[in-house]
Structure formats: C-alpha cells, structure tokens
Amino acid sequence: MFILGMKINLIVDDYIPCDEYGKTIFSSANGSELWVILVEKAFAKMFKNYENIIAGDPTEALRILTGAPSETYVHKQSPNVFDQILEGEKMNFVMAACTFPASMVE
C-alpha cells in the first residue's frame, strides 16, 4: 500500500463487517470485486477503526493512499458535473462518489 506516494506494509485480515444478511456494512463492490472493501479496511486500520472514517471523503482517502492530486465536485455547485464524470471516465481516472447524511449538509 502507498501512503502519500510512500510504500508501507499494512496487513489486513479477511474479516469484513457485514449485516445479518451478509451485506457489507460500509463500502460495496461492483460484482465480485473485493479490492474496494479491502482498501477501505486498510484505510480504516490506518485510523485505528471504521468509526474514525465514518462520513469520510473518498477523494481524501484516494489522495492519502496514492499521493495523487484529487478534486471534489459538489453536484449542486457544479452544473456540469456529469460532463466532468464522463471526461474522467475517458481519461481512466479513479473516481469515487459519496453522499453525506442530511445532518452534515448545510
């Protein structure tokens, strides 16, 4: 794993927090992809537990993990956000999306 571009060794186990139906509580993967869940687990481990990253910004997490620059677009403040998403897709950028609880949004 890389933190701000520097390689570090971080060991995570394969115990993934799930609800009573076997659905992951935090991140969800696309199909059978496991990397999203494992990267989130490693990120939580860096901050001691999942509770410390609740409502975290995935853009910030990707920046910390890769050292690459990142940008955040807020849908209400970015009228052409879908054009930006399409452009990022064409450029093969790593992208993330999130929602925040209503209590955190002004």
C-alpha atoms as a PDB file:
ATOM      1  CA  MET A   1       0.000   0.000   0.000  1.00  0.00           C
ATOM      2  CA  PHE A   2       1.141   3.553  -0.656  1.00  0.00           C
ATOM      3  CA  ILE A   3       0.555   6.465   1.688  1.00  0.00           C
ATOM      4  CA  LEU A   4       1.200   9.845   0.069  1.00  0.00           C
ATOM      5  CA  GLY A   5       3.293   8.043  -2.519  1.00  0.00           C
ATOM      6  CA  MET A   6       5.461   6.215   0.025  1.00  0.00           C
ATOM      7  CA  LYS A   7       5.267   2.427   0.167  1.00  0.00           C
ATOM      8  CA  ILE A   8       4.297   0.947   3.529  1.00  0.00           C
ATOM      9  CA  ASN A   9       3.395  -2.578   4.590  1.00  0.00           C
ATOM     10  CA  LEU A  10      -0.059  -2.847   6.094  1.00  0.00           C
ATOM     11  CA  ILE A  11      -1.603  -6.219   6.836  1.00  0.00           C
ATOM     12  CA  VAL A  12      -5.369  -6.659   6.859  1.00  0.00           C
ATOM     13  CA  ASP A  13      -7.327  -9.818   7.501  1.00  0.00           C
ATOM     14  CA  ASP A  14     -10.298 -11.055   5.503  1.00  0.00           C
ATOM     15  CA  TYR A  15     -12.946 -10.390   8.162  1.00  0.00           C
ATOM     16  CA  ILE A  16     -15.340  -7.913   6.594  1.00  0.00           C
ATOM     17  CA  PRO A  17     -18.083  -6.221   8.665  1.00  0.00           C
ATOM     18  CA  CYS A  18     -21.464  -7.425   7.367  1.00  0.00           C
ATOM     19  CA  ASP A  19     -25.072  -7.103   8.458  1.00  0.00           C
ATOM     20  CA  GLU A  20     -27.277 -10.071   9.380  1.00  0.00           C
ATOM     21  CA  TYR A  21     -27.939 -10.688   5.647  1.00  0.00           C
ATOM     22  CA  GLY A  22     -24.263 -10.894   4.708  1.00  0.00           C
ATOM     23  CA  LYS A  23     -24.208  -7.453   3.025  1.00  0.00           C
ATOM     24  CA  THR A  24     -21.139  -5.343   3.723  1.00  0.00           C
ATOM     25  CA  ILE A  25     -21.876  -2.525   6.133  1.00  0.00           C
ATOM     26  CA  PHE A  26     -19.514   0.046   4.662  1.00  0.00           C
ATOM     27  CA  SER A  27     -18.279   0.022   1.062  1.00  0.00           C
ATOM     28  CA  SER A  28     -19.812  -2.158  -1.567  1.00  0.00           C
ATOM     29  CA  ALA A  29     -18.025  -3.559  -4.565  1.00  0.00           C
ATOM     30  CA  ASN A  30     -19.107  -3.855  -8.168  1.00  0.00           C
ATOM     31  CA  GLY A  31     -19.973  -7.509  -8.682  1.00  0.00           C
ATOM     32  CA  SER A  32     -17.337  -9.782  -7.199  1.00  0.00           C
ATOM     33  CA  GLU A  33     -14.635  -7.105  -6.825  1.00  0.00           C
ATOM     34  CA  LEU A  34     -13.052  -7.262  -3.407  1.00  0.00           C
ATOM     35  CA  TRP A  35     -10.428  -4.529  -3.688  1.00  0.00           C
ATOM     36  CA  VAL A  36     -12.791  -1.693  -2.686  1.00  0.00           C
ATOM     37  CA  ILE A  37     -13.677  -3.375   0.593  1.00  0.00           C
ATOM     38  CA  LEU A  38     -10.051  -4.292   1.356  1.00  0.00           C
ATOM     39  CA  VAL A  39      -8.737  -0.810   0.574  1.00  0.00           C
ATOM     40  CA  GLU A  40     -11.395   0.688   2.854  1.00  0.00           C
ATOM     41  CA  LYS A  41     -10.418  -1.772   5.576  1.00  0.00           C
ATOM     42  CA  ALA A  42      -6.750  -0.805   5.228  1.00  0.00           C
ATOM     43  CA  PHE A  43      -7.673   2.884   5.340  1.00  0.00           C
ATOM     44  CA  ALA A  44      -9.742   2.311   8.494  1.00  0.00           C
ATOM     45  CA  LYS A  45      -6.813   0.448  10.027  1.00  0.00           C
ATOM     46  CA  MET A  46      -4.595   3.472   9.424  1.00  0.00           C
ATOM     47  CA  PHE A  47      -7.046   5.497  11.519  1.00  0.00           C
ATOM     48  CA  LYS A  48      -7.458   2.730  14.134  1.00  0.00           C
ATOM     49  CA  ASN A  49     -11.065   1.715  13.241  1.00  0.00           C
ATOM     50  CA  TYR A  50     -14.019   2.233  10.921  1.00  0.00           C
ATOM     51  CA  GLU A  51     -15.670   4.678  13.299  1.00  0.00           C
ATOM     52  CA  ASN A  52     -12.866   7.176  12.729  1.00  0.00           C
ATOM     53  CA  ILE A  53     -13.528   7.264   8.977  1.00  0.00           C
ATOM     54  CA  ILE A  54     -17.348   7.397   9.034  1.00  0.00           C
ATOM     55  CA  ALA A  55     -18.598  10.027   6.602  1.00  0.00           C
ATOM     56  CA  GLY A  56     -15.072  10.378   5.298  1.00  0.00           C
ATOM     57  CA  ASP A  57     -14.433  11.852   1.905  1.00  0.00           C
ATOM     58  CA  PRO A  58     -13.369   9.159  -0.603  1.00  0.00           C
ATOM     59  CA  THR A  59     -11.437  11.798  -2.543  1.00  0.00           C
ATOM     60  CA  GLU A  60      -9.307  12.487   0.517  1.00  0.00           C
ATOM     61  CA  ALA A  61      -8.814   8.758   1.083  1.00  0.00           C
ATOM     62  CA  LEU A  62      -7.637   8.229  -2.503  1.00  0.00           C
ATOM     63  CA  ARG A  63      -5.276  11.215  -2.217  1.00  0.00           C
ATOM     64  CA  ILE A  64      -3.785   9.850   1.002  1.00  0.00           C
ATOM     65  CA  LEU A  65      -3.463   6.327  -0.368  1.00  0.00           C
ATOM     66  CA  THR A  66      -1.944   7.257  -3.724  1.00  0.00           C
ATOM     67  CA  GLY A  67      -0.306  10.640  -3.238  1.00  0.00           C
ATOM     68  CA  ALA A  68      -2.023  11.736  -6.470  1.00  0.00           C
ATOM     69  CA  PRO A  69      -3.809  15.076  -6.711  1.00  0.00           C
ATOM     70  CA  SER A  70      -7.569  14.985  -6.283  1.00  0.00           C
ATOM     71  CA  GLU A  71     -10.573  17.159  -6.966  1.00  0.00           C
ATOM     72  CA  THR A  72     -14.014  17.223  -5.404  1.00  0.00           C
ATOM     73  CA  TYR A  73     -17.139  18.276  -7.249  1.00  0.00           C
ATOM     74  CA  VAL A  74     -20.316  19.052  -5.343  1.00  0.00           C
ATOM     75  CA  HIS A  75     -23.311  18.316  -7.552  1.00  0.00           C
ATOM     76  CA  LYS A  76     -25.269  21.447  -6.530  1.00  0.00           C
ATOM     77  CA  GLN A  77     -22.220  23.643  -7.063  1.00  0.00           C
ATOM     78  CA  SER A  78     -21.023  22.032 -10.305  1.00  0.00           C
ATOM     79  CA  PRO A  79     -23.651  22.390 -13.022  1.00  0.00           C
ATOM     80  CA  ASN A  80     -21.602  20.316 -15.473  1.00  0.00           C
ATOM     81  CA  VAL A  81     -20.646  17.550 -13.017  1.00  0.00           C
ATOM     82  CA  PHE A  82     -21.861  14.805 -15.376  1.00  0.00           C
ATOM     83  CA  ASP A  83     -19.647  16.148 -18.165  1.00  0.00           C
ATOM     84  CA  GLN A  84     -16.734  16.060 -15.715  1.00  0.00           C
ATOM     85  CA  ILE A  85     -17.549  12.448 -14.812  1.00  0.00           C
ATOM     86  CA  LEU A  86     -17.622  11.465 -18.483  1.00  0.00           C
ATOM     87  CA  GLU A  87     -14.312  13.236 -19.078  1.00  0.00           C
ATOM     88  CA  GLY A  88     -12.763  11.423 -16.102  1.00  0.00           C
ATOM     89  CA  GLU A  89     -14.048   8.117 -17.465  1.00  0.00           C
ATOM     90  CA  LYS A  90     -12.438   8.817 -20.854  1.00  0.00           C
ATOM     91  CA  MET A  91      -9.136   9.611 -19.111  1.00  0.00           C
ATOM     92  CA  ASN A  92      -9.331   6.424 -16.975  1.00  0.00           C
ATOM     93  CA  PHE A  93      -9.245   8.460 -13.759  1.00  0.00           C
ATOM     94  CA  VAL A  94     -10.003   6.758 -10.457  1.00  0.00           C
ATOM     95  CA  MET A  95     -13.321   8.217  -9.331  1.00  0.00           C
ATOM     96  CA  ALA A  96     -15.494   7.904  -6.272  1.00  0.00           C
ATOM     97  CA  ALA A  97     -18.932   9.115  -5.301  1.00  0.00           C
ATOM     98  CA  CYS A  98     -20.455   9.636  -1.913  1.00  0.00           C
ATOM     99  CA  THR A  99     -23.408  11.063  -0.092  1.00  0.00           C
ATOM    100  CA  PHE A 100     -23.410  12.597   3.324  1.00  0.00           C
ATOM    101  CA  PRO A 101     -26.117  12.432   5.995  1.00  0.00           C
ATOM    102  CA  ALA A 102     -28.584  15.328   5.819  1.00  0.00           C
ATOM    103  CA  SER A 103     -27.385  16.468   9.252  1.00  0.00           C
ATOM    104  CA  MET A 104     -23.931  17.169   7.783  1.00  0.00           C
ATOM    105  CA  VAL A 105     -25.157  19.184   4.789  1.00  0.00           C
ATOM    106  CA  GLU A 106     -25.909  22.872   5.084  1.00  0.00           C
END
